[in-house]
Amino acid sequence: MALLHRSWRRWPPVVACHITHTPAWITAALRARSSSFGAEKIEERQKRLMARGIPKQKMIPGVKQVIVVASGKGGVGKSTTAVNLALGIAAYDMVVGLLDADVYGPSIPRMMNLRGNPELTNSNLMRPLVNFGIVCMSMGFLVEEGAPVVWRGLMVMSAIERLLRQVDWGQLDYLVIDMPPGTGDVQLSISQNIPISGAIIVSTPQDIALLDAQRATEMFRKVNVPVLGIVQNMSVFQCPKCKYESHIFGADGARALAAKLALDVLGSFL
């Protein structure tokens, strides 16, 4: 028993010697391997989280093509352009729908001369209102005219999802979406939830409007939405008496921006 006790006392220093004198290159290799594994795990986790956070795009049932009309700034004639685009496409014997995605400031009901509440189908889908052969849906049909929509972001996202998915659009060749101004949640949500054939950017020739138009263009490019071109609105004022033209907001600002961004100018309107 005493011999066993003495042997036990001799062994620990030997083991400790081997542990404390591990070669430096082994320690460095173990640390490098551990750090590389840690970096790989972090990168894999980030990819999983990103993939989980980005929704998968789903077609809107019955809709063949989606075109969004957007601008970085409000008051540049975006809704007017969206309505004229829808009517222009319909003139080519296409079946067209018009979605007003501006929850806070819907303009389509007034521009399309529509009032009333959508009826529900047997499938509990909202039936769009129709005028000029265009089927239309807007938050303006669901609230009183002039009533403010005081909602937080999550409620707005839920409303957009319903306007996209819970509407009986029928069979459409084109759905034109009038986007709200800016580059926020609504734009990102629509761009990531449905496949978009192209975006049209509307701007006036003013420098401030052009800056926001550039931001809108870059936003769509980041989410892989093709930008079809730029429309210059309010390009000139023509005197109703003498027909003299004045460039109140500047001249050809959108053309210069289009050249800078390698885009086409789709039109220039009064």
C-alpha atoms as a PDB file:
ATOM      1  CA  MET A   1       0.000   0.000   0.000  1.00  0.00           C
ATOM      2  CA  ALA A   2       2.830   2.338   0.824  1.00  0.00           C
ATOM      3  CA  LEU A   3       4.557   1.442  -2.473  1.00  0.00           C
ATOM      4  CA  LEU A   4       1.411   2.241  -4.411  1.00  0.00           C
ATOM      5  CA  HIS A   5       1.077   5.524  -2.608  1.00  0.00           C
ATOM      6  CA  ARG A   6       4.691   6.486  -3.430  1.00  0.00           C
ATOM      7  CA  SER A   7       4.223   5.577  -7.119  1.00  0.00           C
ATOM      8  CA  TRP A   8       1.090   7.684  -7.334  1.00  0.00           C
ATOM      9  CA  ARG A   9       2.973  10.657  -5.948  1.00  0.00           C
ATOM     10  CA  ARG A  10       5.710  10.285  -8.601  1.00  0.00           C
ATOM     11  CA  TRP A  11       3.420  10.161 -11.659  1.00  0.00           C
ATOM     12  CA  PRO A  12       1.640  13.526 -11.620  1.00  0.00           C
ATOM     13  CA  PRO A  13       4.832  15.618 -12.162  1.00  0.00           C
ATOM     14  CA  VAL A  14       5.685  13.546 -15.215  1.00  0.00           C
ATOM     15  CA  VAL A  15       2.221  14.041 -16.732  1.00  0.00           C
ATOM     16  CA  ALA A  16       2.289  17.729 -15.899  1.00  0.00           C
ATOM     17  CA  CYS A  17       5.656  18.015 -17.619  1.00  0.00           C
ATOM     18  CA  HIS A  18       4.283  16.629 -20.845  1.00  0.00           C
ATOM     19  CA  ILE A  19       1.271  18.964 -20.740  1.00  0.00           C
ATOM     20  CA  THR A  20       3.151  22.141 -19.978  1.00  0.00           C
ATOM     21  CA  HIS A  21       5.820  21.507 -22.603  1.00  0.00           C
ATOM     22  CA  THR A  22       3.519  21.074 -25.637  1.00  0.00           C
ATOM     23  CA  PRO A  23       5.404  22.319 -28.742  1.00  0.00           C
ATOM     24  CA  ALA A  24       4.475  25.834 -29.835  1.00  0.00           C
ATOM     25  CA  TRP A  25       3.641  24.776 -33.411  1.00  0.00           C
ATOM     26  CA  ILE A  26       1.004  22.322 -32.140  1.00  0.00           C
ATOM     27  CA  THR A  27      -0.587  25.012 -30.000  1.00  0.00           C
ATOM     28  CA  ALA A  28      -0.607  27.436 -32.937  1.00  0.00           C
ATOM     29  CA  ALA A  29      -2.133  24.803 -35.254  1.00  0.00           C
ATOM     30  CA  LEU A  30      -4.852  23.977 -32.730  1.00  0.00           C
ATOM     31  CA  ARG A  31      -5.669  27.663 -32.293  1.00  0.00           C
ATOM     32  CA  ALA A  32      -5.777  28.271 -36.067  1.00  0.00           C
ATOM     33  CA  ARG A  33      -8.007  25.263 -36.580  1.00  0.00           C
ATOM     34  CA  SER A  34     -10.313  26.358 -33.785  1.00  0.00           C
ATOM     35  CA  SER A  35     -10.565  29.915 -35.145  1.00  0.00           C
ATOM     36  CA  SER A  36     -11.210  28.693 -38.693  1.00  0.00           C
ATOM     37  CA  PHE A  37     -13.953  26.389 -37.481  1.00  0.00           C
ATOM     38  CA  GLY A  38     -15.421  29.269 -35.501  1.00  0.00           C
ATOM     39  CA  ALA A  39     -15.365  31.559 -38.530  1.00  0.00           C
ATOM     40  CA  GLU A  40     -16.983  28.883 -40.698  1.00  0.00           C
ATOM     41  CA  LYS A  41     -19.711  28.304 -38.135  1.00  0.00           C
ATOM     42  CA  ILE A  42     -20.430  32.038 -37.878  1.00  0.00           C
ATOM     43  CA  GLU A  43     -20.542  32.391 -41.662  1.00  0.00           C
ATOM     44  CA  GLU A  44     -22.846  29.373 -42.016  1.00  0.00           C
ATOM     45  CA  ARG A  45     -25.118  30.725 -39.299  1.00  0.00           C
ATOM     46  CA  GLN A  46     -25.281  34.127 -40.971  1.00  0.00           C
ATOM     47  CA  LYS A  47     -26.225  32.487 -44.287  1.00  0.00           C
ATOM     48  CA  ARG A  48     -28.965  30.471 -42.603  1.00  0.00           C
ATOM     49  CA  LEU A  49     -30.363  33.565 -40.896  1.00  0.00           C
ATOM     50  CA  MET A  50     -30.281  35.563 -44.121  1.00  0.00           C
ATOM     51  CA  ALA A  51     -31.989  32.773 -46.039  1.00  0.00           C
ATOM     52  CA  ARG A  52     -34.618  32.532 -43.326  1.00  0.00           C
ATOM     53  CA  GLY A  53     -35.227  36.296 -43.300  1.00  0.00           C
ATOM     54  CA  ILE A  54     -35.710  36.719 -47.081  1.00  0.00           C
ATOM     55  CA  PRO A  55     -39.147  35.481 -48.171  1.00  0.00           C
ATOM     56  CA  LYS A  56     -39.491  33.310 -51.237  1.00  0.00           C
ATOM     57  CA  GLN A  57     -41.067  35.052 -54.205  1.00  0.00           C
ATOM     58  CA  LYS A  58     -44.479  33.774 -55.225  1.00  0.00           C
ATOM     59  CA  MET A  59     -46.473  34.686 -58.286  1.00  0.00           C
ATOM     60  CA  ILE A  60     -49.804  36.405 -57.751  1.00  0.00           C
ATOM     61  CA  PRO A  61     -52.406  33.928 -59.015  1.00  0.00           C
ATOM     62  CA  GLY A  62     -53.621  34.934 -62.474  1.00  0.00           C
ATOM     63  CA  VAL A  63     -51.102  37.754 -62.953  1.00  0.00           C
ATOM     64  CA  LYS A  64     -48.566  37.329 -65.757  1.00  0.00           C
ATOM     65  CA  GLN A  65     -46.419  40.472 -65.435  1.00  0.00           C
ATOM     66  CA  VAL A  66     -45.923  43.055 -62.680  1.00  0.00           C
ATOM     67  CA  ILE A  67     -44.628  46.576 -63.317  1.00  0.00           C
ATOM     68  CA  VAL A  68     -43.982  48.960 -60.441  1.00  0.00           C
ATOM     69  CA  VAL A  69     -44.020  52.748 -60.794  1.00  0.00           C
ATOM     70  CA  ALA A  70     -41.868  54.355 -58.131  1.00  0.00           C
ATOM     71  CA  SER A  71     -40.026  57.478 -57.094  1.00  0.00           C
ATOM     72  CA  GLY A  72     -37.871  58.446 -54.194  1.00  0.00           C
ATOM     73  CA  LYS A  73     -39.936  61.564 -53.514  1.00  0.00           C
ATOM     74  CA  GLY A  74     -43.644  62.309 -53.297  1.00  0.00           C
ATOM     75  CA  GLY A  75     -45.430  64.865 -55.450  1.00  0.00           C
ATOM     76  CA  VAL A  76     -43.575  64.142 -58.687  1.00  0.00           C
ATOM     77  CA  GLY A  77     -46.551  62.706 -60.585  1.00  0.00           C
ATOM     78  CA  LYS A  78     -45.939  59.042 -59.855  1.00  0.00           C
ATOM     79  CA  SER A  79     -49.608  58.092 -59.457  1.00  0.00           C
ATOM     80  CA  THR A  80     -50.534  60.016 -62.613  1.00  0.00           C
ATOM     81  CA  THR A  81     -47.857  58.106 -64.496  1.00  0.00           C
ATOM     82  CA  ALA A  82     -49.108  54.784 -63.101  1.00  0.00           C
ATOM     83  CA  VAL A  83     -52.692  55.509 -64.197  1.00  0.00           C
ATOM     84  CA  ASN A  84     -51.608  56.619 -67.677  1.00  0.00           C
ATOM     85  CA  LEU A  85     -49.393  53.556 -68.005  1.00  0.00           C
ATOM     86  CA  ALA A  86     -52.272  51.231 -67.089  1.00  0.00           C
ATOM     87  CA  LEU A  87     -54.621  52.938 -69.555  1.00  0.00           C
ATOM     88  CA  GLY A  88     -51.943  52.905 -72.251  1.00  0.00           C
ATOM     89  CA  ILE A  89     -51.327  49.174 -71.877  1.00  0.00           C
ATOM     90  CA  ALA A  90     -55.066  48.481 -71.870  1.00  0.00           C
ATOM     91  CA  ALA A  91     -55.331  50.323 -75.212  1.00  0.00           C
ATOM     92  CA  TYR A  92     -53.369  47.422 -76.730  1.00  0.00           C
ATOM     93  CA  ASP A  93     -56.172  44.987 -75.796  1.00  0.00           C
ATOM     94  CA  MET A  94     -54.366  43.846 -72.664  1.00  0.00           C
ATOM     95  CA  VAL A  95     -56.142  43.013 -69.412  1.00  0.00           C
ATOM     96  CA  VAL A  96     -54.647  45.349 -66.808  1.00  0.00           C
ATOM     97  CA  GLY A  97     -54.937  45.764 -63.064  1.00  0.00           C
ATOM     98  CA  LEU A  98     -53.875  48.740 -60.951  1.00  0.00           C
ATOM     99  CA  LEU A  99     -52.792  48.382 -57.333  1.00  0.00           C
ATOM    100  CA  ASP A 100     -52.394  51.428 -55.120  1.00  0.00           C
ATOM    101  CA  ALA A 101     -49.664  50.422 -52.653  1.00  0.00           C
ATOM    102  CA  ASP A 102     -49.518  53.860 -51.023  1.00  0.00           C
ATOM    103  CA  VAL A 103     -51.300  52.948 -47.798  1.00  0.00           C
ATOM    104  CA  TYR A 104     -50.860  56.345 -46.135  1.00  0.00           C
ATOM    105  CA  GLY A 105     -51.824  58.489 -49.131  1.00  0.00           C
ATOM    106  CA  PRO A 106     -53.920  56.539 -51.657  1.00  0.00           C
ATOM    107  CA  SER A 107     -54.598  58.483 -54.855  1.00  0.00           C
ATOM    108  CA  ILE A 108     -55.979  55.885 -57.266  1.00  0.00           C
ATOM    109  CA  PRO A 109     -59.643  56.089 -56.127  1.00  0.00           C
ATOM    110  CA  ARG A 110     -59.825  59.800 -57.026  1.00  0.00           C
ATOM    111  CA  MET A 111     -57.806  59.453 -60.234  1.00  0.00           C
ATOM    112  CA  MET A 112     -59.832  56.497 -61.459  1.00  0.00           C
ATOM    113  CA  ASN A 113     -63.115  58.080 -60.290  1.00  0.00           C
ATOM    114  CA  LEU A 114     -63.986  55.127 -58.085  1.00  0.00           C
ATOM    115  CA  ARG A 115     -65.806  54.948 -54.774  1.00  0.00           C
ATOM    116  CA  GLY A 116     -67.196  52.176 -52.642  1.00  0.00           C
ATOM    117  CA  ASN A 117     -66.124  49.115 -50.740  1.00  0.00           C
ATOM    118  CA  PRO A 118     -64.920  45.911 -52.423  1.00  0.00           C
ATOM    119  CA  GLU A 119     -67.295  42.969 -52.276  1.00  0.00           C
ATOM    120  CA  LEU A 120     -66.159  39.555 -51.095  1.00  0.00           C
ATOM    121  CA  THR A 121     -66.215  36.449 -53.254  1.00  0.00           C
ATOM    122  CA  ASN A 122     -67.224  32.989 -52.048  1.00  0.00           C
ATOM    123  CA  SER A 123     -63.517  32.360 -51.473  1.00  0.00           C
ATOM    124  CA  ASN A 124     -63.390  35.357 -49.108  1.00  0.00           C
ATOM    125  CA  LEU A 125     -61.309  37.379 -51.580  1.00  0.00           C
ATOM    126  CA  MET A 126     -61.860  41.079 -52.228  1.00  0.00           C
ATOM    127  CA  ARG A 127     -63.279  41.864 -55.650  1.00  0.00           C
ATOM    128  CA  PRO A 128     -61.542  44.907 -57.242  1.00  0.00           C
ATOM    129  CA  LEU A 129     -63.476  47.940 -58.441  1.00  0.00           C
ATOM    130  CA  VAL A 130     -63.459  48.562 -62.183  1.00  0.00           C
ATOM    131  CA  ASN A 131     -63.436  51.687 -64.346  1.00  0.00           C
ATOM    132  CA  PHE A 132     -62.168  52.379 -67.876  1.00  0.00           C
ATOM    133  CA  GLY A 133     -61.652  48.630 -68.163  1.00  0.00           C
ATOM    134  CA  ILE A 134     -59.006  48.657 -65.389  1.00  0.00           C
ATOM    135  CA  VAL A 135     -59.492  46.567 -62.243  1.00  0.00           C
ATOM    136  CA  CYS A 136     -58.308  48.601 -59.256  1.00  0.00           C
ATOM    137  CA  MET A 137     -57.546  47.968 -55.608  1.00  0.00           C
ATOM    138  CA  SER A 138     -56.546  50.556 -53.040  1.00  0.00           C
ATOM    139  CA  MET A 139     -56.542  51.187 -49.334  1.00  0.00           C
ATOM    140  CA  GLY A 140     -58.720  54.158 -50.256  1.00  0.00           C
ATOM    141  CA  PHE A 141     -61.585  51.716 -50.857  1.00  0.00           C
ATOM    142  CA  LEU A 142     -61.311  50.372 -47.310  1.00  0.00           C
ATOM    143  CA  VAL A 143     -61.249  53.646 -45.342  1.00  0.00           C
ATOM    144  CA  GLU A 144     -63.258  56.847 -45.496  1.00  0.00           C
ATOM    145  CA  GLU A 145     -61.975  59.455 -47.941  1.00  0.00           C
ATOM    146  CA  GLY A 146     -59.755  61.893 -46.083  1.00  0.00           C
ATOM    147  CA  ALA A 147     -59.399  59.620 -43.041  1.00  0.00           C
ATOM    148  CA  PRO A 148     -55.764  59.203 -41.958  1.00  0.00           C
ATOM    149  CA  VAL A 149     -54.233  55.745 -41.764  1.00  0.00           C
ATOM    150  CA  VAL A 150     -52.281  55.862 -38.505  1.00  0.00           C
ATOM    151  CA  TRP A 151     -50.528  52.506 -38.558  1.00  0.00           C
ATOM    152  CA  ARG A 152     -47.159  51.159 -37.587  1.00  0.00           C
ATOM    153  CA  GLY A 153     -44.918  49.232 -39.949  1.00  0.00           C
ATOM    154  CA  LEU A 154     -46.190  45.715 -39.172  1.00  0.00           C
ATOM    155  CA  MET A 155     -49.793  46.708 -39.830  1.00  0.00           C
ATOM    156  CA  VAL A 156     -48.797  48.305 -43.131  1.00  0.00           C
ATOM    157  CA  MET A 157     -46.947  45.131 -44.151  1.00  0.00           C
ATOM    158  CA  SER A 158     -50.024  43.076 -43.320  1.00  0.00           C
ATOM    159  CA  ALA A 159     -52.204  45.409 -45.400  1.00  0.00           C
ATOM    160  CA  ILE A 160     -49.838  45.162 -48.384  1.00  0.00           C
ATOM    161  CA  GLU A 161     -49.859  41.368 -48.154  1.00  0.00           C
ATOM    162  CA  ARG A 162     -53.659  41.371 -48.224  1.00  0.00           C
ATOM    163  CA  LEU A 163     -53.817  43.779 -51.148  1.00  0.00           C
ATOM    164  CA  LEU A 164     -51.496  41.474 -53.071  1.00  0.00           C
ATOM    165  CA  ARG A 165     -52.753  38.028 -52.090  1.00  0.00           C
ATOM    166  CA  GLN A 166     -56.331  38.389 -50.900  1.00  0.00           C
ATOM    167  CA  VAL A 167     -57.738  40.070 -53.995  1.00  0.00           C
ATOM    168  CA  ASP A 168     -59.537  38.302 -56.822  1.00  0.00           C
ATOM    169  CA  TRP A 169     -57.452  39.798 -59.629  1.00  0.00           C
ATOM    170  CA  GLY A 170     -58.767  37.383 -62.228  1.00  0.00           C
ATOM    171  CA  GLN A 171     -56.555  36.811 -65.259  1.00  0.00           C
ATOM    172  CA  LEU A 172     -54.296  39.821 -65.863  1.00  0.00           C
ATOM    173  CA  ASP A 173     -51.701  40.420 -68.531  1.00  0.00           C
ATOM    174  CA  TYR A 174     -50.192  43.228 -66.447  1.00  0.00           C
ATOM    175  CA  LEU A 175     -50.524  44.466 -62.894  1.00  0.00           C
ATOM    176  CA  VAL A 176     -49.282  48.041 -62.456  1.00  0.00           C
ATOM    177  CA  ILE A 177     -48.359  48.879 -58.869  1.00  0.00           C
ATOM    178  CA  ASP A 178     -48.311  52.506 -57.769  1.00  0.00           C
ATOM    179  CA  MET A 179     -45.607  52.438 -55.105  1.00  0.00           C
ATOM    180  CA  PRO A 180     -45.402  54.862 -52.187  1.00  0.00           C
ATOM    181  CA  PRO A 181     -42.561  57.402 -52.169  1.00  0.00           C
ATOM    182  CA  GLY A 182     -39.265  56.465 -50.589  1.00  0.00           C
ATOM    183  CA  THR A 183     -37.231  53.273 -50.288  1.00  0.00           C
ATOM    184  CA  GLY A 184     -38.679  51.760 -47.139  1.00  0.00           C
ATOM    185  CA  ASP A 185     -40.493  48.676 -45.896  1.00  0.00           C
ATOM    186  CA  VAL A 186     -43.249  48.614 -48.509  1.00  0.00           C
ATOM    187  CA  GLN A 187     -40.864  48.778 -51.451  1.00  0.00           C
ATOM    188  CA  LEU A 188     -38.628  46.088 -49.965  1.00  0.00           C
ATOM    189  CA  SER A 189     -41.549  43.835 -49.038  1.00  0.00           C
ATOM    190  CA  ILE A 190     -43.136  43.965 -52.495  1.00  0.00           C
ATOM    191  CA  SER A 191     -39.804  43.506 -54.268  1.00  0.00           C
ATOM    192  CA  GLN A 192     -38.947  40.425 -52.220  1.00  0.00           C
ATOM    193  CA  ASN A 193     -42.404  38.811 -52.149  1.00  0.00           C
ATOM    194  CA  ILE A 194     -43.429  38.825 -55.810  1.00  0.00           C
ATOM    195  CA  PRO A 195     -41.468  38.557 -59.075  1.00  0.00           C
ATOM    196  CA  ILE A 196     -41.368  41.988 -60.733  1.00  0.00           C
ATOM    197  CA  SER A 197     -40.836  42.346 -64.460  1.00  0.00           C
ATOM    198  CA  GLY A 198     -39.544  45.907 -64.211  1.00  0.00           C
ATOM    199  CA  ALA A 199     -39.590  49.229 -62.386  1.00  0.00           C
ATOM    200  CA  ILE A 200     -40.227  52.686 -63.831  1.00  0.00           C
ATOM    201  CA  ILE A 201     -38.747  55.648 -61.971  1.00  0.00           C
ATOM    202  CA  VAL A 202     -40.587  58.981 -62.064  1.00  0.00           C
ATOM    203  CA  SER A 203     -38.876  62.270 -61.287  1.00  0.00           C
ATOM    204  CA  THR A 204     -39.039  65.976 -61.911  1.00  0.00           C
ATOM    205  CA  PRO A 205     -35.962  67.880 -63.165  1.00  0.00           C
ATOM    206  CA  GLN A 206     -35.261  69.319 -59.701  1.00  0.00           C
ATOM    207  CA  ASP A 207     -31.936  68.396 -58.101  1.00  0.00           C
ATOM    208  CA  ILE A 208     -33.532  67.162 -54.853  1.00  0.00           C
ATOM    209  CA  ALA A 209     -36.046  64.970 -56.713  1.00  0.00           C
ATOM    210  CA  LEU A 210     -33.258  63.571 -58.877  1.00  0.00           C
ATOM    211  CA  LEU A 211     -31.250  62.566 -55.809  1.00  0.00           C
ATOM    212  CA  ASP A 212     -34.194  60.582 -54.474  1.00  0.00           C
ATOM    213  CA  ALA A 213     -34.823  59.086 -57.913  1.00  0.00           C
ATOM    214  CA  GLN A 214     -31.238  57.827 -57.929  1.00  0.00           C
ATOM    215  CA  ARG A 215     -31.755  56.266 -54.492  1.00  0.00           C
ATOM    216  CA  ALA A 216     -34.885  54.500 -55.751  1.00  0.00           C
ATOM    217  CA  THR A 217     -32.995  53.185 -58.770  1.00  0.00           C
ATOM    218  CA  GLU A 218     -30.160  51.824 -56.664  1.00  0.00           C
ATOM    219  CA  MET A 219     -32.625  50.212 -54.254  1.00  0.00           C
ATOM    220  CA  PHE A 220     -34.283  48.238 -57.058  1.00  0.00           C
ATOM    221  CA  ARG A 221     -30.912  47.199 -58.410  1.00  0.00           C
ATOM    222  CA  LYS A 222     -29.890  45.875 -55.009  1.00  0.00           C
ATOM    223  CA  VAL A 223     -32.970  43.629 -54.860  1.00  0.00           C
ATOM    224  CA  ASN A 224     -32.431  42.510 -58.486  1.00  0.00           C
ATOM    225  CA  VAL A 225     -35.449  44.267 -59.985  1.00  0.00           C
ATOM    226  CA  PRO A 226     -34.805  45.473 -63.561  1.00  0.00           C
ATOM    227  CA  VAL A 227     -35.168  49.245 -63.957  1.00  0.00           C
ATOM    228  CA  LEU A 228     -36.864  49.924 -67.288  1.00  0.00           C
ATOM    229  CA  GLY A 229     -36.088  53.627 -67.370  1.00  0.00           C
ATOM    230  CA  ILE A 230     -36.887  57.109 -66.090  1.00  0.00           C
ATOM    231  CA  VAL A 231     -39.911  59.291 -66.784  1.00  0.00           C
ATOM    232  CA  GLN A 232     -39.391  63.055 -66.470  1.00  0.00           C
ATOM    233  CA  ASN A 233     -42.524  64.757 -65.260  1.00  0.00           C
ATOM    234  CA  MET A 234     -43.284  68.492 -64.984  1.00  0.00           C
ATOM    235  CA  SER A 235     -40.486  69.098 -67.449  1.00  0.00           C
ATOM    236  CA  VAL A 236     -41.812  72.398 -68.803  1.00  0.00           C
ATOM    237  CA  PHE A 237     -44.559  74.968 -68.246  1.00  0.00           C
ATOM    238  CA  GLN A 238     -46.358  76.189 -71.323  1.00  0.00           C
ATOM    239  CA  CYS A 239     -48.199  79.493 -71.123  1.00  0.00           C
ATOM    240  CA  PRO A 240     -51.846  78.892 -72.110  1.00  0.00           C
ATOM    241  CA  LYS A 241     -52.005  82.278 -73.900  1.00  0.00           C
ATOM    242  CA  CYS A 242     -48.728  82.741 -75.767  1.00  0.00           C
ATOM    243  CA  LYS A 243     -47.522  79.095 -75.678  1.00  0.00           C
ATOM    244  CA  TYR A 244     -44.153  80.211 -74.349  1.00  0.00           C
ATOM    245  CA  GLU A 245     -42.348  77.386 -72.574  1.00  0.00           C
ATOM    246  CA  SER A 246     -40.576  77.927 -69.240  1.00  0.00           C
ATOM    247  CA  HIS A 247     -38.459  75.324 -67.477  1.00  0.00           C
ATOM    248  CA  ILE A 248     -39.564  76.187 -63.978  1.00  0.00           C
ATOM    249  CA  PHE A 249     -37.940  73.162 -62.342  1.00  0.00           C
ATOM    250  CA  GLY A 250     -34.891  73.020 -64.585  1.00  0.00           C
ATOM    251  CA  ALA A 251     -34.307  71.390 -67.956  1.00  0.00           C
ATOM    252  CA  ASP A 252     -33.325  67.815 -68.793  1.00  0.00           C
ATOM    253  CA  GLY A 253     -32.337  66.878 -65.269  1.00  0.00           C
ATOM    254  CA  ALA A 254     -33.809  63.386 -65.650  1.00  0.00           C
ATOM    255  CA  ARG A 255     -31.979  62.931 -68.942  1.00  0.00           C
ATOM    256  CA  ALA A 256     -28.673  63.682 -67.254  1.00  0.00           C
ATOM    257  CA  LEU A 257     -29.509  61.227 -64.461  1.00  0.00           C
ATOM    258  CA  ALA A 258     -30.517  58.558 -66.980  1.00  0.00           C
ATOM    259  CA  ALA A 259     -27.210  58.969 -68.787  1.00  0.00           C
ATOM    260  CA  LYS A 260     -25.350  58.721 -65.484  1.00  0.00           C
ATOM    261  CA  LEU A 261     -27.175  55.515 -64.495  1.00  0.00           C
ATOM    262  CA  ALA A 262     -27.133  54.020 -68.006  1.00  0.00           C
ATOM    263  CA  LEU A 263     -30.943  54.095 -68.264  1.00  0.00           C
ATOM    264  CA  ASP A 264     -33.408  55.068 -70.967  1.00  0.00           C
ATOM    265  CA  VAL A 265     -35.635  58.124 -70.785  1.00  0.00           C
ATOM    266  CA  LEU A 266     -39.079  56.689 -71.375  1.00  0.00           C
ATOM    267  CA  GLY A 267     -40.867  60.017 -71.690  1.00  0.00           C
ATOM    268  CA  SER A 268     -40.936  63.683 -70.787  1.00  0.00           C
ATOM    269  CA  PHE A 269     -44.262  65.266 -69.879  1.00  0.00           C
ATOM    270  CA  LEU A 270     -45.617  68.675 -69.057  1.00  0.00           C
END
